[in-house]
Amino acid sequence: MFDDVDIIVTYGDDTLLDTLQGDPLINQIPAVAAGAVVALDGTTPLGTAANPTPLAIPYVLDDYVGLLAEAAAKG
């Protein structure tokens, strides 16, 4: 069902991708297998990017777009 997903954006830390890729079912999603996962640490300002506020958008936009570009290049 997720074979057309190019990038996955979720909350998590540095170990999330390893956990997703280690799961035999979830790793069948092409974005996960390719490592095209953006894990936003909810304890950092960038973690607000998935649920932005008008004041936060200018602060995190460049970093968020950079993470999306890195993930898209892997997909």
Protein backbone atom coordinates (compact mmCIF):
# COMPACT_ATOMS: atom_id res chain seq x y z
CA MET A 1 0.00 0.00 0.00
CA PHE A 2 2.94 2.35 0.53
CA ASP A 3 4.86 1.48 -2.63
CA ASP A 4 4.34 5.00 -4.01
CA VAL A 5 5.67 6.79 -0.91
CA ASP A 6 8.90 8.64 -1.71
CA ILE A 7 9.62 10.18 1.71
CA ILE A 8 8.37 9.44 5.21
CA VAL A 9 8.36 12.28 7.74
CA THR A 10 7.87 11.28 11.36
CA TYR A 11 8.94 12.07 14.87
CA GLY A 12 11.84 10.10 16.27
CA ASP A 13 15.50 10.07 17.12
CA ASP A 14 18.61 8.73 15.40
CA THR A 15 17.70 5.10 16.07
CA LEU A 16 14.31 5.27 14.35
CA LEU A 17 15.60 4.53 10.84
CA ASP A 18 17.56 1.52 12.10
CA THR A 19 14.44 0.23 13.84
CA LEU A 20 12.28 0.72 10.74
CA GLN A 21 14.83 -0.90 8.45
CA GLY A 22 15.23 -3.80 10.86
CA ASP A 23 11.53 -4.64 10.71
CA PRO A 24 10.96 -7.15 7.87
CA LEU A 25 7.47 -5.84 7.09
CA ILE A 26 8.10 -2.09 7.33
CA ASN A 27 11.35 -2.40 5.39
CA GLN A 28 9.29 -3.46 2.36
CA ILE A 29 8.20 0.17 2.00
CA PRO A 30 10.59 1.55 -0.65
CA ALA A 31 11.15 4.84 1.22
CA VAL A 32 12.22 2.94 4.34
CA ALA A 33 14.45 0.54 2.42
CA ALA A 34 16.14 3.50 0.70
CA GLY A 35 16.57 5.42 3.96
CA ALA A 36 14.31 8.24 2.75
CA VAL A 37 12.98 8.89 6.24
CA VAL A 38 13.07 12.30 7.95
CA ALA A 39 12.95 11.74 11.70
CA LEU A 40 12.19 14.96 13.56
CA ASP A 41 13.30 14.98 17.16
CA GLY A 42 10.30 16.37 19.02
CA THR A 43 12.57 17.83 21.70
CA THR A 44 14.27 20.27 19.29
CA PRO A 45 13.02 23.37 17.49
CA LEU A 46 13.18 21.48 14.20
CA GLY A 47 10.69 19.03 15.67
CA THR A 48 8.07 21.76 15.33
CA ALA A 49 8.40 21.65 11.54
CA ALA A 50 5.79 18.92 11.16
CA ASN A 51 3.28 21.04 13.07
CA PRO A 52 4.43 24.58 12.33
CA THR A 53 3.33 27.82 13.89
CA PRO A 54 3.67 31.18 12.11
CA LEU A 55 6.60 32.12 14.35
CA ALA A 56 8.41 28.80 13.92
CA ILE A 57 8.26 28.52 10.13
CA PRO A 58 11.00 31.06 9.32
CA TYR A 59 13.20 29.59 12.05
CA VAL A 60 13.11 25.97 10.83
CA LEU A 61 12.27 26.21 7.14
CA ASP A 62 15.80 26.03 5.70
CA ASP A 63 16.76 23.07 7.89
CA TYR A 64 13.48 21.27 7.19
CA VAL A 65 13.78 21.73 3.44
CA GLY A 66 17.37 20.48 3.63
CA LEU A 67 16.27 17.30 5.39
CA LEU A 68 13.53 16.74 2.81
CA ALA A 69 16.01 17.24 -0.03
CA GLU A 70 18.42 14.70 1.51
CA ALA A 71 15.60 12.17 1.87
CA ALA A 72 14.37 12.80 -1.68
CA ALA A 73 17.85 12.15 -3.05
CA LYS A 74 17.81 8.71 -1.41
CA GLY A 75 14.36 7.77 -2.70
